[in-house]
Amino acid sequence: MMDGLITGRLTGIPESRVDRNRRPYMVARMRANAGDGSSIPVNIVAFDNAPCAVLRSLSEGDAIALRGSFTPKVWIDRQDESHAVLDVVAQQVLAAPTMSDL
């Protein structure tokens, strides 16, 4: 695990969930540009109130920046090709304003 900052766009609507101890948390997914024209999927989970509140206000396609703990992983698809993916525990979420916010 490492700490970092990453930017990208949400690929779905963030979801509110509750753990087995009835504590709320948020999950979301985004894609981050890899610099070579490809993108990396990022799985996001947030437990603290501040990042959860920001994620709750966002929609698919919104541009965001995350600061948190990153765990790089690799998954293998059905054609036996490996792909990079990041799991992030978000401690801070920043969102770019949308046109409706301006």
PDB file of N, CA and C in Angstrom:
ATOM      1  N   MET A   1       0.846  -1.169   0.000  1.00  0.00           N
ATOM      2  CA  MET A   1       0.000   0.000   0.000  1.00  0.00           C
ATOM      3  C   MET A   1       0.894   1.236   0.000  1.00  0.00           C
ATOM      4  N   MET A   2       0.449   2.262  -0.704  1.00  0.00           N
ATOM      5  CA  MET A   2       1.188   3.520  -0.760  1.00  0.00           C
ATOM      6  C   MET A   2       0.203   4.673  -0.792  1.00  0.00           C
ATOM      7  N   ASP A   3       0.652   5.840  -0.358  1.00  0.00           N
ATOM      8  CA  ASP A   3      -0.189   7.036  -0.411  1.00  0.00           C
ATOM      9  C   ASP A   3       0.037   7.746  -1.732  1.00  0.00           C
ATOM     10  N   GLY A   4      -1.013   8.363  -2.262  1.00  0.00           N
ATOM     11  CA  GLY A   4      -0.856   9.053  -3.528  1.00  0.00           C
ATOM     12  C   GLY A   4      -2.023   9.954  -3.855  1.00  0.00           C
ATOM     13  N   LEU A   5      -1.908  10.574  -5.016  1.00  0.00           N
ATOM     14  CA  LEU A   5      -2.921  11.475  -5.563  1.00  0.00           C
ATOM     15  C   LEU A   5      -3.158  11.049  -6.998  1.00  0.00           C
ATOM     16  N   ILE A   6      -4.420  10.940  -7.398  1.00  0.00           N
ATOM     17  CA  ILE A   6      -4.745  10.511  -8.752  1.00  0.00           C
ATOM     18  C   ILE A   6      -5.975  11.275  -9.232  1.00  0.00           C
ATOM     19  N   THR A   7      -6.038  11.507 -10.540  1.00  0.00           N
ATOM     20  CA  THR A   7      -7.185  12.192 -11.129  1.00  0.00           C
ATOM     21  C   THR A   7      -7.815  11.314 -12.199  1.00  0.00           C
ATOM     22  N   GLY A   8      -9.073  11.577 -12.485  1.00  0.00           N
ATOM     23  CA  GLY A   8      -9.769  10.830 -13.520  1.00  0.00           C
ATOM     24  C   GLY A   8     -11.237  11.206 -13.559  1.00  0.00           C
ATOM     25  N   ARG A   9     -12.030  10.354 -14.200  1.00  0.00           N
ATOM     26  CA  ARG A   9     -13.474  10.583 -14.318  1.00  0.00           C
ATOM     27  C   ARG A   9     -14.229   9.369 -13.796  1.00  0.00           C
ATOM     28  N   LEU A  10     -15.324   9.644 -13.096  1.00  0.00           N
ATOM     29  CA  LEU A  10     -16.157   8.568 -12.575  1.00  0.00           C
ATOM     30  C   LEU A  10     -16.778   7.781 -13.722  1.00  0.00           C
ATOM     31  N   THR A  11     -16.825   6.468 -13.579  1.00  0.00           N
ATOM     32  CA  THR A  11     -17.407   5.615 -14.614  1.00  0.00           C
ATOM     33  C   THR A  11     -18.781   5.093 -14.219  1.00  0.00           C
ATOM     34  N   GLY A  12     -19.304   5.584 -13.149  1.00  0.00           N
ATOM     35  CA  GLY A  12     -20.640   5.209 -12.695  1.00  0.00           C
ATOM     36  C   GLY A  12     -21.054   6.139 -11.576  1.00  0.00           C
ATOM     37  N   ILE A  13     -22.234   5.923 -11.060  1.00  0.00           N
ATOM     38  CA  ILE A  13     -22.720   6.734  -9.944  1.00  0.00           C
ATOM     39  C   ILE A  13     -22.197   6.128  -8.649  1.00  0.00           C
ATOM     40  N   PRO A  14     -21.567   6.924  -7.786  1.00  0.00           N
ATOM     41  CA  PRO A  14     -21.103   6.396  -6.497  1.00  0.00           C
ATOM     42  C   PRO A  14     -22.273   5.819  -5.695  1.00  0.00           C
ATOM     43  N   GLU A  15     -21.989   4.725  -4.977  1.00  0.00           N
ATOM     44  CA  GLU A  15     -23.021   4.035  -4.211  1.00  0.00           C
ATOM     45  C   GLU A  15     -22.759   4.135  -2.723  1.00  0.00           C
ATOM     46  N   SER A  16     -23.826   4.356  -1.983  1.00  0.00           N
ATOM     47  CA  SER A  16     -23.766   4.376  -0.525  1.00  0.00           C
ATOM     48  C   SER A  16     -24.029   2.960  -0.027  1.00  0.00           C
ATOM     49  N   ARG A  17     -23.221   2.497   0.910  1.00  0.00           N
ATOM     50  CA  ARG A  17     -23.395   1.166   1.484  1.00  0.00           C
ATOM     51  C   ARG A  17     -23.261   1.246   2.997  1.00  0.00           C
ATOM     52  N   VAL A  18     -23.620   0.156   3.655  1.00  0.00           N
ATOM     53  CA  VAL A  18     -23.518   0.072   5.109  1.00  0.00           C
ATOM     54  C   VAL A  18     -22.791  -1.220   5.448  1.00  0.00           C
ATOM     55  N   ASP A  19     -21.787  -1.133   6.341  1.00  0.00           N
ATOM     56  CA  ASP A  19     -21.055  -2.340   6.713  1.00  0.00           C
ATOM     57  C   ASP A  19     -21.842  -3.144   7.748  1.00  0.00           C
ATOM     58  N   ARG A  20     -21.303  -4.265   8.162  1.00  0.00           N
ATOM     59  CA  ARG A  20     -22.034  -5.148   9.072  1.00  0.00           C
ATOM     60  C   ARG A  20     -22.243  -4.530  10.454  1.00  0.00           C
ATOM     61  N   ASN A  21     -21.484  -3.488  10.769  1.00  0.00           N
ATOM     62  CA  ASN A  21     -21.670  -2.758  12.028  1.00  0.00           C
ATOM     63  C   ASN A  21     -22.551  -1.525  11.847  1.00  0.00           C
ATOM     64  N   ARG A  22     -23.232  -1.445  10.711  1.00  0.00           N
ATOM     65  CA  ARG A  22     -24.166  -0.370  10.358  1.00  0.00           C
ATOM     66  C   ARG A  22     -23.501   0.990  10.184  1.00  0.00           C
ATOM     67  N   ARG A  23     -22.233   0.985   9.816  1.00  0.00           N
ATOM     68  CA  ARG A  23     -21.536   2.244   9.521  1.00  0.00           C
ATOM     69  C   ARG A  23     -21.597   2.487   8.016  1.00  0.00           C
ATOM     70  N   PRO A  24     -21.977   3.698   7.610  1.00  0.00           N
ATOM     71  CA  PRO A  24     -22.066   3.997   6.177  1.00  0.00           C
ATOM     72  C   PRO A  24     -20.687   4.207   5.558  1.00  0.00           C
ATOM     73  N   TYR A  25     -20.585   3.863   4.282  1.00  0.00           N
ATOM     74  CA  TYR A  25     -19.395   4.138   3.487  1.00  0.00           C
ATOM     75  C   TYR A  25     -19.827   4.260   2.039  1.00  0.00           C
ATOM     76  N   MET A  26     -18.922   4.733   1.188  1.00  0.00           N
ATOM     77  CA  MET A  26     -19.225   4.923  -0.232  1.00  0.00           C
ATOM     78  C   MET A  26     -18.258   4.104  -1.076  1.00  0.00           C
ATOM     79  N   VAL A  27     -18.749   3.612  -2.209  1.00  0.00           N
ATOM     80  CA  VAL A  27     -17.899   2.971  -3.206  1.00  0.00           C
ATOM     81  C   VAL A  27     -18.155   3.642  -4.550  1.00  0.00           C
ATOM     82  N   ALA A  28     -17.115   3.680  -5.368  1.00  0.00           N
ATOM     83  CA  ALA A  28     -17.231   4.283  -6.700  1.00  0.00           C
ATOM     84  C   ALA A  28     -16.133   3.703  -7.584  1.00  0.00           C
ATOM     85  N   ARG A  29     -16.240   3.977  -8.859  1.00  0.00           N
ATOM     86  CA  ARG A  29     -15.217   3.573  -9.833  1.00  0.00           C
ATOM     87  C   ARG A  29     -14.893   4.758 -10.720  1.00  0.00           C
ATOM     88  N   MET A  30     -13.634   4.809 -11.122  1.00  0.00           N
ATOM     89  CA  MET A  30     -13.199   5.852 -12.051  1.00  0.00           C
ATOM     90  C   MET A  30     -12.154   5.260 -12.981  1.00  0.00           C
ATOM     91  N   ARG A  31     -11.826   6.013 -14.017  1.00  0.00           N
ATOM     92  CA  ARG A  31     -10.731   5.648 -14.916  1.00  0.00           C
ATOM     93  C   ARG A  31      -9.728   6.782 -14.873  1.00  0.00           C
ATOM     94  N   ALA A  32      -8.457   6.407 -14.749  1.00  0.00           N
ATOM     95  CA  ALA A  32      -7.366   7.376 -14.716  1.00  0.00           C
ATOM     96  C   ALA A  32      -6.516   7.193 -15.962  1.00  0.00           C
ATOM     97  N   ASN A  33      -6.124   8.283 -16.603  1.00  0.00           N
ATOM     98  CA  ASN A  33      -5.276   8.197 -17.789  1.00  0.00           C
ATOM     99  C   ASN A  33      -3.901   7.682 -17.404  1.00  0.00           C
ATOM    100  N   ALA A  34      -3.383   6.764 -18.213  1.00  0.00           N
ATOM    101  CA  ALA A  34      -2.088   6.150 -17.931  1.00  0.00           C
ATOM    102  C   ALA A  34      -0.934   6.884 -18.607  1.00  0.00           C
ATOM    103  N   GLY A  35      -1.217   7.870 -19.452  1.00  0.00           N
ATOM    104  CA  GLY A  35      -0.159   8.637 -20.095  1.00  0.00           C
ATOM    105  C   GLY A  35       0.215   8.134 -21.476  1.00  0.00           C
ATOM    106  N   ASP A  36      -0.116   6.896 -21.791  1.00  0.00           N
ATOM    107  CA  ASP A  36       0.201   6.335 -23.105  1.00  0.00           C
ATOM    108  C   ASP A  36      -1.053   6.199 -23.971  1.00  0.00           C
ATOM    109  N   GLY A  37      -2.111   6.896 -23.579  1.00  0.00           N
ATOM    110  CA  GLY A  37      -3.367   6.817 -24.317  1.00  0.00           C
ATOM    111  C   GLY A  37      -4.337   5.805 -23.733  1.00  0.00           C
ATOM    112  N   SER A  38      -3.852   4.944 -22.865  1.00  0.00           N
ATOM    113  CA  SER A  38      -4.734   3.977 -22.220  1.00  0.00           C
ATOM    114  C   SER A  38      -5.195   4.533 -20.873  1.00  0.00           C
ATOM    115  N   SER A  39      -6.064   3.801 -20.217  1.00  0.00           N
ATOM    116  CA  SER A  39      -6.526   4.229 -18.898  1.00  0.00           C
ATOM    117  C   SER A  39      -6.536   3.041 -17.943  1.00  0.00           C
ATOM    118  N   ILE A  40      -6.501   3.358 -16.655  1.00  0.00           N
ATOM    119  CA  ILE A  40      -6.453   2.341 -15.611  1.00  0.00           C
ATOM    120  C   ILE A  40      -7.737   2.439 -14.792  1.00  0.00           C
ATOM    121  N   PRO A  41      -8.425   1.311 -14.578  1.00  0.00           N
ATOM    122  CA  PRO A  41      -9.598   1.361 -13.705  1.00  0.00           C
ATOM    123  C   PRO A  41      -9.170   1.531 -12.248  1.00  0.00           C
ATOM    124  N   VAL A  42      -9.956   2.323 -11.522  1.00  0.00           N
ATOM    125  CA  VAL A  42      -9.671   2.598 -10.114  1.00  0.00           C
ATOM    126  C   VAL A  42     -10.936   2.304  -9.308  1.00  0.00           C
ATOM    127  N   ASN A  43     -10.809   1.421  -8.323  1.00  0.00           N
ATOM    128  CA  ASN A  43     -11.898   1.117  -7.396  1.00  0.00           C
ATOM    129  C   ASN A  43     -11.720   1.988  -6.161  1.00  0.00           C
ATOM    130  N   ILE A  44     -12.761   2.718  -5.792  1.00  0.00           N
ATOM    131  CA  ILE A  44     -12.682   3.688  -4.699  1.00  0.00           C
ATOM    132  C   ILE A  44     -13.588   3.246  -3.558  1.00  0.00           C
ATOM    133  N   VAL A  45     -13.083   3.363  -2.337  1.00  0.00           N
ATOM    134  CA  VAL A  45     -13.905   3.196  -1.143  1.00  0.00           C
ATOM    135  C   VAL A  45     -13.570   4.351  -0.203  1.00  0.00           C
ATOM    136  N   ALA A  46     -14.598   4.914   0.430  1.00  0.00           N
ATOM    137  CA  ALA A  46     -14.396   6.030   1.364  1.00  0.00           C
ATOM    138  C   ALA A  46     -15.204   5.759   2.623  1.00  0.00           C
ATOM    139  N   PHE A  47     -14.567   5.974   3.766  1.00  0.00           N
ATOM    140  CA  PHE A  47     -15.216   5.736   5.051  1.00  0.00           C
ATOM    141  C   PHE A  47     -15.470   7.021   5.833  1.00  0.00           C
ATOM    142  N   ASP A  48     -14.605   8.018   5.677  1.00  0.00           N
ATOM    143  CA  ASP A  48     -14.732   9.268   6.430  1.00  0.00           C
ATOM    144  C   ASP A  48     -15.866  10.125   5.865  1.00  0.00           C
ATOM    145  N   ASN A  49     -16.435  10.966   6.727  1.00  0.00           N
ATOM    146  CA  ASN A  49     -17.592  11.787   6.330  1.00  0.00           C
ATOM    147  C   ASN A  49     -17.310  12.721   5.163  1.00  0.00           C
ATOM    148  N   ALA A  50     -16.167  13.404   5.174  1.00  0.00           N
ATOM    149  CA  ALA A  50     -15.884  14.406   4.129  1.00  0.00           C
ATOM    150  C   ALA A  50     -15.796  13.789   2.733  1.00  0.00           C
ATOM    151  N   PRO A  51     -14.976  12.746   2.508  1.00  0.00           N
ATOM    152  CA  PRO A  51     -14.950  12.178   1.157  1.00  0.00           C
ATOM    153  C   PRO A  51     -16.273  11.522   0.768  1.00  0.00           C
ATOM    154  N   CYS A  52     -16.982  10.948   1.740  1.00  0.00           N
ATOM    155  CA  CYS A  52     -18.287  10.349   1.430  1.00  0.00           C
ATOM    156  C   CYS A  52     -19.275  11.410   0.960  1.00  0.00           C
ATOM    157  N   ALA A  53     -19.264  12.570   1.606  1.00  0.00           N
ATOM    158  CA  ALA A  53     -20.184  13.647   1.221  1.00  0.00           C
ATOM    159  C   ALA A  53     -19.912  14.126  -0.198  1.00  0.00           C
ATOM    160  N   VAL A  54     -18.641  14.252  -0.559  1.00  0.00           N
ATOM    161  CA  VAL A  54     -18.307  14.688  -1.925  1.00  0.00           C
ATOM    162  C   VAL A  54     -18.743  13.624  -2.927  1.00  0.00           C
ATOM    163  N   LEU A  55     -18.412  12.360  -2.676  1.00  0.00           N
ATOM    164  CA  LEU A  55     -18.793  11.286  -3.601  1.00  0.00           C
ATOM    165  C   LEU A  55     -20.309  11.211  -3.771  1.00  0.00           C
ATOM    166  N   ARG A  56     -21.038  11.412  -2.697  1.00  0.00           N
ATOM    167  CA  ARG A  56     -22.499  11.352  -2.739  1.00  0.00           C
ATOM    168  C   ARG A  56     -23.082  12.405  -3.687  1.00  0.00           C
ATOM    169  N   SER A  57     -22.380  13.509  -3.873  1.00  0.00           N
ATOM    170  CA  SER A  57     -22.884  14.609  -4.706  1.00  0.00           C
ATOM    171  C   SER A  57     -22.506  14.473  -6.177  1.00  0.00           C
ATOM    172  N   LEU A  58     -21.761  13.434  -6.541  1.00  0.00           N
ATOM    173  CA  LEU A  58     -21.228  13.318  -7.901  1.00  0.00           C
ATOM    174  C   LEU A  58     -22.027  12.364  -8.767  1.00  0.00           C
ATOM    175  N   SER A  59     -21.795  12.471 -10.075  1.00  0.00           N
ATOM    176  CA  SER A  59     -22.461  11.626 -11.067  1.00  0.00           C
ATOM    177  C   SER A  59     -21.434  11.038 -12.021  1.00  0.00           C
ATOM    178  N   GLU A  60     -21.880  10.089 -12.808  1.00  0.00           N
ATOM    179  CA  GLU A  60     -21.020   9.468 -13.817  1.00  0.00           C
ATOM    180  C   GLU A  60     -20.437  10.539 -14.735  1.00  0.00           C
ATOM    181  N   GLY A  61     -19.140  10.436 -15.020  1.00  0.00           N
ATOM    182  CA  GLY A  61     -18.466  11.360 -15.919  1.00  0.00           C
ATOM    183  C   GLY A  61     -17.836  12.554 -15.243  1.00  0.00           C
ATOM    184  N   ASP A  62     -18.145  12.786 -13.968  1.00  0.00           N
ATOM    185  CA  ASP A  62     -17.556  13.924 -13.257  1.00  0.00           C
ATOM    186  C   ASP A  62     -16.053  13.726 -13.080  1.00  0.00           C
ATOM    187  N   ALA A  63     -15.305  14.812 -13.213  1.00  0.00           N
ATOM    188  CA  ALA A  63     -13.852  14.790 -13.019  1.00  0.00           C
ATOM    189  C   ALA A  63     -13.551  14.935 -11.533  1.00  0.00           C
ATOM    190  N   ILE A  64     -12.661  14.058 -11.029  1.00  0.00           N
ATOM    191  CA  ILE A  64     -12.315  14.108  -9.609  1.00  0.00           C
ATOM    192  C   ILE A  64     -10.819  13.895  -9.411  1.00  0.00           C
ATOM    193  N   ALA A  65     -10.360  14.298  -8.240  1.00  0.00           N
ATOM    194  CA  ALA A  65      -9.001  14.011  -7.781  1.00  0.00           C
ATOM    195  C   ALA A  65      -9.131  13.337  -6.424  1.00  0.00           C
ATOM    196  N   LEU A  66      -8.357  12.279  -6.225  1.00  0.00           N
ATOM    197  CA  LEU A  66      -8.387  11.523  -4.972  1.00  0.00           C
ATOM    198  C   LEU A  66      -7.030  11.566  -4.304  1.00  0.00           C
ATOM    199  N   ARG A  67      -7.050  11.679  -2.976  1.00  0.00           N
ATOM    200  CA  ARG A  67      -5.847  11.474  -2.178  1.00  0.00           C
ATOM    201  C   ARG A  67      -6.174  10.354  -1.214  1.00  0.00           C
ATOM    202  N   GLY A  68      -5.266   9.369  -1.139  1.00  0.00           N
ATOM    203  CA  GLY A  68      -5.534   8.261  -0.243  1.00  0.00           C
ATOM    204  C   GLY A  68      -4.484   7.180  -0.325  1.00  0.00           C
ATOM    205  N   SER A  69      -4.847   6.016   0.198  1.00  0.00           N
ATOM    206  CA  SER A  69      -3.965   4.848   0.202  1.00  0.00           C
ATOM    207  C   SER A  69      -4.275   3.984  -1.015  1.00  0.00           C
ATOM    208  N   PHE A  70      -3.250   3.709  -1.810  1.00  0.00           N
ATOM    209  CA  PHE A  70      -3.391   2.972  -3.062  1.00  0.00           C
ATOM    210  C   PHE A  70      -2.833   1.564  -2.916  1.00  0.00           C
ATOM    211  N   THR A  71      -3.532   0.604  -3.494  1.00  0.00           N
ATOM    212  CA  THR A  71      -3.029  -0.759  -3.590  1.00  0.00           C
ATOM    213  C   THR A  71      -3.083  -1.156  -5.060  1.00  0.00           C
ATOM    214  N   PRO A  72      -1.922  -1.260  -5.724  1.00  0.00           N
ATOM    215  CA  PRO A  72      -1.929  -1.694  -7.124  1.00  0.00           C
ATOM    216  C   PRO A  72      -2.207  -3.195  -7.203  1.00  0.00           C
ATOM    217  N   LYS A  73      -2.989  -3.574  -8.189  1.00  0.00           N
ATOM    218  CA  LYS A  73      -3.335  -4.982  -8.381  1.00  0.00           C
ATOM    219  C   LYS A  73      -3.310  -5.307  -9.870  1.00  0.00           C
ATOM    220  N   VAL A  74      -3.356  -6.582 -10.158  1.00  0.00           N
ATOM    221  CA  VAL A  74      -3.426  -7.067 -11.537  1.00  0.00           C
ATOM    222  C   VAL A  74      -4.571  -8.070 -11.607  1.00  0.00           C
ATOM    223  N   TRP A  75      -5.390  -7.961 -12.648  1.00  0.00           N
ATOM    224  CA  TRP A  75      -6.414  -8.975 -12.872  1.00  0.00           C
ATOM    225  C   TRP A  75      -6.218  -9.559 -14.259  1.00  0.00           C
ATOM    226  N   ILE A  76      -6.614 -10.795 -14.428  1.00  0.00           N
ATOM    227  CA  ILE A  76      -6.435 -11.512 -15.696  1.00  0.00           C
ATOM    228  C   ILE A  76      -7.811 -11.768 -16.290  1.00  0.00           C
ATOM    229  N   ASP A  77      -7.988 -11.339 -17.549  1.00  0.00           N
ATOM    230  CA  ASP A  77      -9.283 -11.505 -18.198  1.00  0.00           C
ATOM    231  C   ASP A  77      -9.429 -12.912 -18.766  1.00  0.00           C
ATOM    232  N   ARG A  78     -10.529 -13.152 -19.443  1.00  0.00           N
ATOM    233  CA  ARG A  78     -10.831 -14.490 -19.975  1.00  0.00           C
ATOM    234  C   ARG A  78      -9.882 -14.921 -21.088  1.00  0.00           C
ATOM    235  N   GLN A  79      -9.200 -13.943 -21.704  1.00  0.00           N
ATOM    236  CA  GLN A  79      -8.226 -14.260 -22.753  1.00  0.00           C
ATOM    237  C   GLN A  79      -6.814 -14.387 -22.176  1.00  0.00           C
ATOM    238  N   ASP A  80      -6.697 -14.490 -20.864  1.00  0.00           N
ATOM    239  CA  ASP A  80      -5.417 -14.606 -20.156  1.00  0.00           C
ATOM    240  C   ASP A  80      -4.520 -13.391 -20.325  1.00  0.00           C
ATOM    241  N   GLU A  81      -5.113 -12.225 -20.560  1.00  0.00           N
ATOM    242  CA  GLU A  81      -4.343 -10.984 -20.611  1.00  0.00           C
ATOM    243  C   GLU A  81      -4.418 -10.312 -19.249  1.00  0.00           C
ATOM    244  N   SER A  82      -3.281  -9.797 -18.794  1.00  0.00           N
ATOM    245  CA  SER A  82      -3.261  -9.132 -17.492  1.00  0.00           C
ATOM    246  C   SER A  82      -3.512  -7.633 -17.654  1.00  0.00           C
ATOM    247  N   HIS A  83      -4.171  -7.045 -16.658  1.00  0.00           N
ATOM    248  CA  HIS A  83      -4.530  -5.630 -16.661  1.00  0.00           C
ATOM    249  C   HIS A  83      -4.257  -5.044 -15.284  1.00  0.00           C
ATOM    250  N   ALA A  84      -3.758  -3.814 -15.271  1.00  0.00           N
ATOM    251  CA  ALA A  84      -3.525  -3.112 -14.009  1.00  0.00           C
ATOM    252  C   ALA A  84      -4.836  -2.538 -13.489  1.00  0.00           C
ATOM    253  N   VAL A  85      -4.965  -2.487 -12.176  1.00  0.00           N
ATOM    254  CA  VAL A  85      -6.106  -1.854 -11.510  1.00  0.00           C
ATOM    255  C   VAL A  85      -5.606  -1.302 -10.178  1.00  0.00           C
ATOM    256  N   LEU A  86      -6.208  -0.219  -9.731  1.00  0.00           N
ATOM    257  CA  LEU A  86      -5.852   0.364  -8.435  1.00  0.00           C
ATOM    258  C   LEU A  86      -7.052   0.308  -7.504  1.00  0.00           C
ATOM    259  N   ASP A  87      -6.809  -0.096  -6.268  1.00  0.00           N
ATOM    260  CA  ASP A  87      -7.805   0.029  -5.208  1.00  0.00           C
ATOM    261  C   ASP A  87      -7.382   1.206  -4.346  1.00  0.00           C
ATOM    262  N   VAL A  88      -8.310   2.117  -4.061  1.00  0.00           N
ATOM    263  CA  VAL A  88      -7.985   3.327  -3.300  1.00  0.00           C
ATOM    264  C   VAL A  88      -8.940   3.468  -2.121  1.00  0.00           C
ATOM    265  N   VAL A  89      -8.366   3.680  -0.941  1.00  0.00           N
ATOM    266  CA  VAL A  89      -9.144   4.114   0.217  1.00  0.00           C
ATOM    267  C   VAL A  89      -8.992   5.630   0.248  1.00  0.00           C
ATOM    268  N   ALA A  90     -10.048   6.330  -0.140  1.00  0.00           N
ATOM    269  CA  ALA A  90      -9.987   7.789  -0.307  1.00  0.00           C
ATOM    270  C   ALA A  90     -10.077   8.503   1.038  1.00  0.00           C
ATOM    271  N   GLN A  91      -9.096   9.365   1.278  1.00  0.00           N
ATOM    272  CA  GLN A  91      -9.126  10.214   2.468  1.00  0.00           C
ATOM    273  C   GLN A  91      -9.583  11.629   2.118  1.00  0.00           C
ATOM    274  N   GLN A  92      -9.421  11.994   0.842  1.00  0.00           N
ATOM    275  CA  GLN A  92      -9.886  13.301   0.378  1.00  0.00           C
ATOM    276  C   GLN A  92     -10.330  13.160  -1.072  1.00  0.00           C
ATOM    277  N   VAL A  93     -11.448  13.783  -1.407  1.00  0.00           N
ATOM    278  CA  VAL A  93     -11.978  13.779  -2.770  1.00  0.00           C
ATOM    279  C   VAL A  93     -12.246  15.223  -3.168  1.00  0.00           C
ATOM    280  N   LEU A  94     -11.690  15.623  -4.299  1.00  0.00           N
ATOM    281  CA  LEU A  94     -11.943  16.950  -4.857  1.00  0.00           C
ATOM    282  C   LEU A  94     -12.644  16.766  -6.192  1.00  0.00           C
ATOM    283  N   ALA A  95     -13.655  17.580  -6.443  1.00  0.00           N
ATOM    284  CA  ALA A  95     -14.408  17.468  -7.688  1.00  0.00           C
ATOM    285  C   ALA A  95     -14.342  18.774  -8.451  1.00  0.00           C
ATOM    286  N   ALA A  96     -14.168  18.671  -9.758  1.00  0.00           N
ATOM    287  CA  ALA A  96     -14.208  19.850 -10.621  1.00  0.00           C
ATOM    288  C   ALA A  96     -15.666  20.267 -10.779  1.00  0.00           C
ATOM    289  N   PRO A  97     -15.939  21.563 -10.827  1.00  0.00           N
ATOM    290  CA  PRO A  97     -17.328  22.002 -11.003  1.00  0.00           C
ATOM    291  C   PRO A  97     -17.854  21.582 -12.375  1.00  0.00           C
ATOM    292  N   THR A  98     -19.124  21.246 -12.417  1.00  0.00           N
ATOM    293  CA  THR A  98     -19.766  20.909 -13.681  1.00  0.00           C
ATOM    294  C   THR A  98     -20.372  22.173 -14.274  1.00  0.00           C
ATOM    295  N   MET A  99     -20.836  22.090 -15.507  1.00  0.00           N
ATOM    296  CA  MET A  99     -21.423  23.261 -16.166  1.00  0.00           C
ATOM    297  C   MET A  99     -22.630  23.784 -15.384  1.00  0.00           C
ATOM    298  N   SER A 100     -23.397  22.887 -14.762  1.00  0.00           N
ATOM    299  CA  SER A 100     -24.570  23.337 -14.009  1.00  0.00           C
ATOM    300  C   SER A 100     -24.178  24.072 -12.729  1.00  0.00           C
ATOM    301  N   ASP A 101     -22.932  23.865 -12.258  1.00  0.00           N
ATOM    302  CA  ASP A 101     -22.452  24.556 -11.059  1.00  0.00           C
ATOM    303  C   ASP A 101     -22.000  25.976 -11.362  1.00  0.00           C
ATOM    304  N   LEU A 102     -21.694  26.260 -12.632  1.00  0.00           N
ATOM    305  CA  LEU A 102     -21.139  27.573 -12.985  1.00  0.00           C
ATOM    306  C   LEU A 102     -22.208  28.617 -13.169  1.00  0.00           C
TER     307      LEU A 102
END
